[in-house]
N, C-alpha and C. Protein backbone atom coordinates (compact mmCIF):
# COMPACT_ATOMS: atom_id res chain seq x y z
N MET A 1 3.06 2.31 -16.32
CA MET A 1 2.40 2.98 -15.71
C MET A 1 2.51 4.38 -15.51
N ASN A 2 1.82 5.52 -15.75
CA ASN A 2 1.99 6.80 -15.50
C ASN A 2 2.47 7.16 -14.22
N SER A 3 3.42 7.98 -13.73
CA SER A 3 3.78 8.45 -12.27
C SER A 3 2.46 9.54 -12.09
N PRO A 4 2.02 8.77 -10.62
CA PRO A 4 0.58 9.71 -10.18
C PRO A 4 1.32 10.81 -8.91
N ASP A 5 0.53 11.88 -8.98
CA ASP A 5 0.71 12.73 -7.69
C ASP A 5 1.45 11.79 -6.62
N PRO A 6 2.73 12.13 -5.76
CA PRO A 6 3.05 11.15 -5.08
C PRO A 6 2.27 11.24 -3.67
N GLN A 7 1.35 12.43 -3.57
CA GLN A 7 0.35 12.26 -2.19
C GLN A 7 -1.09 12.59 -2.48
N PRO A 8 -1.45 11.53 -3.05
CA PRO A 8 -3.02 11.59 -3.61
C PRO A 8 -3.98 11.60 -2.39
N SER A 9 -4.81 12.45 -1.88
CA SER A 9 -5.40 12.66 -0.86
C SER A 9 -6.30 13.74 -0.83
N THR A 10 -7.65 13.60 -0.25
CA THR A 10 -8.38 14.96 -0.14
C THR A 10 -8.48 15.57 1.23
N ARG A 11 -7.65 15.26 1.87
CA ARG A 11 -7.51 16.00 3.00
C ARG A 11 -7.10 17.58 2.96
N SER A 12 -7.73 18.07 3.88
CA SER A 12 -7.30 19.46 4.16
C SER A 12 -6.05 19.90 4.52
N LEU A 13 -5.53 20.97 3.83
CA LEU A 13 -4.09 21.37 3.68
C LEU A 13 -3.76 21.40 5.37
N ALA A 14 -4.47 22.03 6.09
CA ALA A 14 -4.60 22.34 7.37
C ALA A 14 -4.52 21.28 8.47
N GLU A 15 -4.96 20.04 8.06
CA GLU A 15 -4.76 18.99 8.67
C GLU A 15 -3.63 18.38 9.14
N PRO A 16 -3.49 18.07 10.19
CA PRO A 16 -1.92 17.35 10.40
C PRO A 16 -1.77 16.07 9.68
N ASP A 17 -0.48 15.61 9.21
CA ASP A 17 -0.21 14.23 8.63
C ASP A 17 -0.26 13.52 10.04
N ARG A 18 -0.86 12.03 9.95
CA ARG A 18 -1.11 11.42 10.95
C ARG A 18 -0.05 10.17 10.84
N ARG A 19 0.59 10.07 9.90
CA ARG A 19 1.52 8.99 9.77
C ARG A 19 2.44 8.68 10.52
N LEU A 20 2.83 7.31 10.89
CA LEU A 20 4.14 7.05 11.72
C LEU A 20 4.98 6.69 10.93
N HIS A 21 4.94 6.67 9.88
CA HIS A 21 6.39 6.24 9.22
C HIS A 21 6.55 6.96 8.00
N PRO A 22 7.69 7.28 7.47
CA PRO A 22 7.65 7.77 6.30
C PRO A 22 7.51 7.12 4.91
N ARG A 23 6.67 8.00 3.88
CA ARG A 23 6.26 7.08 2.92
C ARG A 23 7.03 7.51 1.56
N TYR A 24 7.05 6.65 0.84
CA TYR A 24 7.97 6.86 -0.63
C TYR A 24 7.41 6.69 -1.83
N THR A 25 7.37 7.40 -2.71
CA THR A 25 6.86 7.19 -4.16
C THR A 25 7.55 6.02 -4.83
N LEU A 26 6.81 4.72 -4.64
CA LEU A 26 7.65 3.43 -5.05
C LEU A 26 6.47 2.81 -5.91
N GLN A 27 6.67 2.22 -7.13
CA GLN A 27 5.95 1.31 -7.85
C GLN A 27 6.37 -0.13 -7.74
N VAL A 28 5.64 -0.65 -6.36
CA VAL A 28 6.13 -2.28 -6.35
C VAL A 28 4.75 -3.08 -6.92
N GLN A 29 5.08 -4.23 -7.52
CA GLN A 29 3.70 -5.11 -7.68
C GLN A 29 3.18 -5.63 -6.60
N ILE A 30 2.05 -5.59 -6.44
CA ILE A 30 1.20 -6.00 -5.54
C ILE A 30 0.29 -6.83 -5.47
N GLU A 31 -0.46 -8.05 -5.14
CA GLU A 31 -1.24 -8.55 -5.45
C GLU A 31 -2.47 -8.60 -3.96
N ILE A 32 -3.52 -8.17 -4.20
CA ILE A 32 -4.53 -7.86 -3.18
C ILE A 32 -5.68 -8.99 -3.41
N HIS A 33 -5.88 -9.57 -2.17
CA HIS A 33 -7.15 -10.47 -1.79
C HIS A 33 -7.95 -9.78 -1.04
N GLU A 34 -9.40 -9.54 -1.44
CA GLU A 34 -10.21 -8.94 -0.55
C GLU A 34 -10.66 -10.04 0.47
N GLU A 35 -11.00 -9.90 1.59
CA GLU A 35 -11.23 -10.70 2.52
C GLU A 35 -12.68 -11.30 1.84
N GLY A 36 -12.68 -12.61 1.95
CA GLY A 36 -13.85 -13.34 1.59
C GLY A 36 -13.97 -13.41 0.05
N ASN A 37 -12.92 -13.01 -0.78
CA ASN A 37 -12.78 -13.09 -2.29
C ASN A 37 -11.71 -14.02 -2.71
N GLU A 38 -11.56 -14.72 -3.11
CA GLU A 38 -10.13 -15.39 -3.59
C GLU A 38 -9.62 -14.91 -5.15
N VAL A 39 -10.34 -14.24 -5.49
CA VAL A 39 -9.82 -13.82 -6.96
C VAL A 39 -8.95 -12.53 -6.64
N PRO A 40 -7.67 -12.57 -7.19
CA PRO A 40 -6.77 -11.72 -6.67
C PRO A 40 -7.09 -10.62 -7.83
N MET A 41 -6.32 -9.39 -7.27
CA MET A 41 -6.44 -7.99 -8.06
C MET A 41 -4.77 -7.68 -8.05
N ARG A 42 -4.15 -7.68 -9.40
CA ARG A 42 -2.74 -7.65 -9.44
C ARG A 42 -2.49 -6.13 -9.90
N LEU A 43 -1.78 -5.42 -8.87
CA LEU A 43 -1.70 -3.94 -9.24
C LEU A 43 -0.35 -3.33 -8.85
N GLN A 44 -0.01 -1.97 -8.92
CA GLN A 44 1.38 -1.57 -8.40
C GLN A 44 0.68 -0.78 -7.35
N THR A 45 1.90 -0.27 -6.11
CA THR A 45 1.63 0.56 -5.52
C THR A 45 1.90 1.89 -6.05
N THR A 46 1.57 2.97 -5.45
CA THR A 46 2.18 4.37 -5.82
C THR A 46 2.98 4.90 -4.88
N ASP A 47 2.57 4.54 -3.53
CA ASP A 47 3.54 5.11 -2.52
C ASP A 47 3.44 3.83 -1.66
N LEU A 48 4.35 3.77 -0.85
CA LEU A 48 4.79 2.60 0.14
C LEU A 48 5.67 3.10 1.46
N SER A 49 5.10 2.46 2.41
CA SER A 49 6.05 2.85 3.71
C SER A 49 5.67 1.52 4.59
N ARG A 50 6.44 1.61 5.71
CA ARG A 50 6.33 0.49 6.74
C ARG A 50 4.94 0.31 7.36
N GLY A 51 4.09 1.50 7.02
CA GLY A 51 2.78 1.40 7.86
C GLY A 51 1.58 1.27 7.10
N GLY A 52 1.95 1.28 5.36
CA GLY A 52 0.71 0.93 4.42
C GLY A 52 1.42 1.44 3.09
N CYS A 53 0.73 1.53 2.26
CA CYS A 53 0.58 1.64 0.69
C CYS A 53 -0.65 2.43 0.18
N TYR A 54 -0.49 3.01 -1.13
CA TYR A 54 -1.60 3.58 -1.78
C TYR A 54 -1.22 2.75 -3.11
N ILE A 55 -2.67 2.28 -3.44
CA ILE A 55 -2.99 1.34 -4.83
C ILE A 55 -4.01 2.46 -5.63
N GLU A 56 -3.59 2.40 -6.95
CA GLU A 56 -4.59 3.01 -7.89
C GLU A 56 -5.57 1.75 -8.54
N LEU A 57 -7.00 2.07 -8.22
CA LEU A 57 -8.13 1.58 -8.69
C LEU A 57 -9.11 2.45 -9.10
N ILE A 58 -9.68 2.27 -10.54
CA ILE A 58 -10.73 2.87 -11.08
C ILE A 58 -12.07 2.71 -10.03
N MET A 59 -11.98 1.54 -9.72
CA MET A 59 -13.23 1.34 -8.47
C MET A 59 -12.94 0.81 -7.17
N PRO A 60 -12.47 1.76 -6.33
CA PRO A 60 -11.86 1.68 -5.18
C PRO A 60 -12.79 0.76 -4.14
N LEU A 61 -11.94 0.17 -3.36
CA LEU A 61 -12.59 -1.06 -2.36
C LEU A 61 -13.16 0.15 -1.08
N ALA A 62 -14.26 -0.37 -0.29
CA ALA A 62 -14.91 0.42 0.52
C ALA A 62 -13.90 0.57 1.86
N ILE A 63 -13.94 1.62 2.53
CA ILE A 63 -13.21 1.94 3.88
C ILE A 63 -13.47 0.67 4.69
N GLY A 64 -12.63 -0.10 5.69
CA GLY A 64 -12.78 -0.96 6.57
C GLY A 64 -12.58 -2.33 5.97
N VAL A 65 -12.47 -2.61 4.48
CA VAL A 65 -12.43 -3.72 3.80
C VAL A 65 -11.13 -4.01 4.26
N ARG A 66 -11.15 -5.36 4.63
CA ARG A 66 -9.60 -6.21 4.98
C ARG A 66 -9.12 -6.79 3.90
N VAL A 67 -7.89 -6.58 3.71
CA VAL A 67 -7.25 -7.34 2.59
C VAL A 67 -6.00 -8.18 2.89
N ARG A 68 -5.62 -9.29 2.22
CA ARG A 68 -4.38 -9.99 2.26
C ARG A 68 -3.80 -9.50 1.12
N ALA A 69 -2.54 -8.82 1.17
CA ALA A 69 -1.42 -8.41 0.21
C ALA A 69 -0.34 -9.11 0.14
N THR A 70 0.13 -9.54 -0.90
CA THR A 70 1.35 -9.90 -1.77
C THR A 70 2.06 -8.85 -2.16
N LEU A 71 3.32 -8.35 -1.47
CA LEU A 71 4.35 -7.35 -2.20
C LEU A 71 5.39 -8.26 -2.68
N TRP A 72 5.92 -7.84 -4.00
CA TRP A 72 7.08 -8.49 -4.47
C TRP A 72 8.24 -7.52 -4.58
N LEU A 73 9.05 -7.69 -3.52
CA LEU A 73 10.32 -6.87 -3.27
C LEU A 73 11.45 -7.52 -4.07
N ASP A 74 12.05 -7.09 -5.18
CA ASP A 74 12.98 -7.34 -5.90
C ASP A 74 12.86 -9.19 -5.96
N GLY A 75 11.40 -9.40 -6.65
CA GLY A 75 10.89 -10.65 -6.63
C GLY A 75 10.94 -11.49 -5.90
N TYR A 76 10.75 -11.04 -4.41
CA TYR A 76 10.79 -11.70 -3.35
C TYR A 76 9.35 -11.57 -2.80
N PRO A 77 8.43 -12.53 -2.75
CA PRO A 77 6.96 -11.98 -2.33
C PRO A 77 6.97 -12.19 -0.51
N ILE A 78 6.55 -11.09 -0.37
CA ILE A 78 5.99 -10.90 1.36
C ILE A 78 4.52 -10.70 1.50
N VAL A 79 3.98 -11.23 2.59
CA VAL A 79 2.52 -11.35 2.75
C VAL A 79 2.25 -10.59 3.82
N ILE A 80 1.15 -9.39 3.92
CA ILE A 80 1.07 -8.61 4.89
C ILE A 80 -0.80 -8.55 4.79
N HIS A 81 -1.30 -8.51 5.86
CA HIS A 81 -2.69 -8.38 6.05
C HIS A 81 -3.08 -6.95 6.41
N GLY A 82 -3.67 -6.34 5.90
CA GLY A 82 -4.47 -4.88 5.82
C GLY A 82 -5.72 -4.27 5.97
N ARG A 83 -5.98 -3.10 6.08
CA ARG A 83 -7.38 -2.42 6.14
C ARG A 83 -7.55 -1.52 5.14
N VAL A 84 -8.49 -1.33 4.76
CA VAL A 84 -8.48 -0.06 3.69
C VAL A 84 -9.05 1.06 4.41
N VAL A 85 -8.04 2.24 4.36
CA VAL A 85 -8.51 3.33 5.35
C VAL A 85 -8.62 4.70 4.63
N THR A 86 -8.37 4.86 3.28
CA THR A 86 -8.68 6.03 2.65
C THR A 86 -9.51 5.39 1.32
N ARG A 87 -10.34 6.13 0.52
CA ARG A 87 -11.08 5.89 -0.58
C ARG A 87 -11.24 6.99 -1.49
N HIS A 88 -10.47 7.12 -2.72
CA HIS A 88 -10.83 8.25 -3.48
C HIS A 88 -11.38 7.67 -4.87
N PRO A 89 -12.57 7.90 -5.04
CA PRO A 89 -13.39 7.46 -6.10
C PRO A 89 -12.68 7.85 -7.57
N GLN A 90 -12.47 6.73 -8.33
CA GLN A 90 -11.92 7.03 -9.59
C GLN A 90 -10.61 6.74 -9.55
N PHE A 91 -9.75 6.79 -8.47
CA PHE A 91 -8.38 6.85 -8.10
C PHE A 91 -7.79 5.92 -7.22
N GLY A 92 -8.26 5.48 -6.18
CA GLY A 92 -7.61 4.20 -5.33
C GLY A 92 -7.75 4.19 -4.16
N ASN A 93 -7.07 3.42 -3.17
CA ASN A 93 -7.34 3.16 -1.95
C ASN A 93 -5.94 3.27 -1.18
N GLY A 94 -5.88 3.97 0.05
CA GLY A 94 -4.90 3.63 1.06
C GLY A 94 -5.17 2.66 2.13
N ILE A 95 -4.08 1.58 1.94
CA ILE A 95 -4.14 0.66 2.82
C ILE A 95 -3.17 0.87 3.87
N LYS A 96 -3.82 0.40 5.28
CA LYS A 96 -2.68 0.52 6.46
C LYS A 96 -2.34 -1.15 6.62
N PHE A 97 -1.20 -1.26 7.04
CA PHE A 97 -0.83 -2.75 7.21
C PHE A 97 -0.91 -2.76 8.68
N VAL A 98 -1.35 -4.13 9.01
CA VAL A 98 -1.92 -4.26 10.51
C VAL A 98 -1.23 -5.49 10.84
N HIS A 99 -0.84 -6.86 9.91
CA HIS A 99 -0.35 -7.90 10.44
C HIS A 99 0.98 -8.36 9.23
N PHE A 100 1.85 -8.60 9.79
CA PHE A 100 2.97 -9.03 8.69
C PHE A 100 3.22 -10.63 8.93
N GLU A 101 3.27 -11.36 7.87
CA GLU A 101 3.36 -12.94 8.15
C GLU A 101 4.64 -13.20 8.04
N GLY A 102 5.37 -13.87 8.81
CA GLY A 102 6.55 -14.51 8.88
C GLY A 102 7.79 -13.28 8.98
N GLN A 103 8.54 -13.25 8.19
CA GLN A 103 9.58 -12.05 8.28
C GLN A 103 9.22 -10.77 7.28
N ALA A 104 7.92 -10.68 6.84
CA ALA A 104 7.56 -9.78 6.19
C ALA A 104 8.07 -8.12 6.73
N GLU A 105 7.66 -8.13 7.94
CA GLU A 105 7.91 -6.18 8.15
C GLU A 105 9.55 -6.32 8.25
N HIS A 106 10.38 -7.06 8.68
CA HIS A 106 11.77 -6.95 8.48
C HIS A 106 12.23 -6.82 6.98
N LEU A 107 11.62 -7.67 6.07
CA LEU A 107 11.97 -7.52 4.58
C LEU A 107 11.60 -6.40 4.28
N LEU A 108 10.35 -5.68 4.46
CA LEU A 108 10.01 -4.57 4.07
C LEU A 108 10.88 -3.36 4.60
N ILE A 109 11.34 -3.25 5.61
CA ILE A 109 12.07 -2.08 6.44
C ILE A 109 13.42 -2.24 5.58
N ARG A 110 14.21 -3.72 5.44
CA ARG A 110 14.93 -3.55 4.82
C ARG A 110 15.34 -3.15 3.18
N TYR A 111 13.93 -3.27 2.64
CA TYR A 111 13.76 -2.97 1.25
C TYR A 111 13.77 -1.57 1.01
N LEU A 112 12.79 -1.05 1.71
CA LEU A 112 12.75 0.48 2.07
C LEU A 112 14.22 1.50 2.33
N GLU A 113 14.85 0.78 2.81
CA GLU A 113 16.39 1.40 3.47
C GLU A 113 17.16 1.20 2.31
N ALA A 114 17.06 0.03 1.65
CA ALA A 114 18.04 -0.23 0.61
C ALA A 114 17.61 0.97 -0.64
N VAL A 115 16.43 1.00 -0.90
CA VAL A 115 15.97 1.92 -2.18
C VAL A 115 15.74 3.15 -1.83
N THR A 116 15.85 3.67 -0.46
CA THR A 116 15.75 5.20 -0.38
C THR A 116 17.13 5.56 0.14
N THR A 117 18.01 4.94 0.23
CA THR A 117 19.64 5.48 0.37
C THR A 117 20.51 5.17 -0.74
N THR A 118 19.87 4.83 -2.08
CA THR A 118 20.61 4.66 -3.10
C THR A 118 20.75 5.86 -4.01
C-alpha cells in the first residue's frame, strides 16, 4: 500500500488541533464492522493514536456511524468500539475510539510506546 499523507485533512490551517493524544503514521491491520452490518471490511490504518485512527476507503462511511474495530497489534487482536468523526470523499475516514474491550486500551498504549521509541 502506498504511504499516504501522514495527516489527511480538509481542516483550515488556522484551526487548532483538537486531538488529545499524539498520532503516529502506522499501518496496522484493522477489521471494521459497521453497526448493524456483520460484513467486515479488512483494511489498514494510515494513522493511529490512543484516541483513534484514520483508514483509507474509496467510499467512506458517513459521519456518526458507529463501528466495531479489531486492530491486529503484532498478530494479537484487540477490539475497540468507535465512531466516524471525519469523512473525506474518495480518501477515507477518521474514527474516534469510544470504548475499549478488555485490556485493549492498555495493549494499544503499550504497542504505541514500543513502536514509537525504537
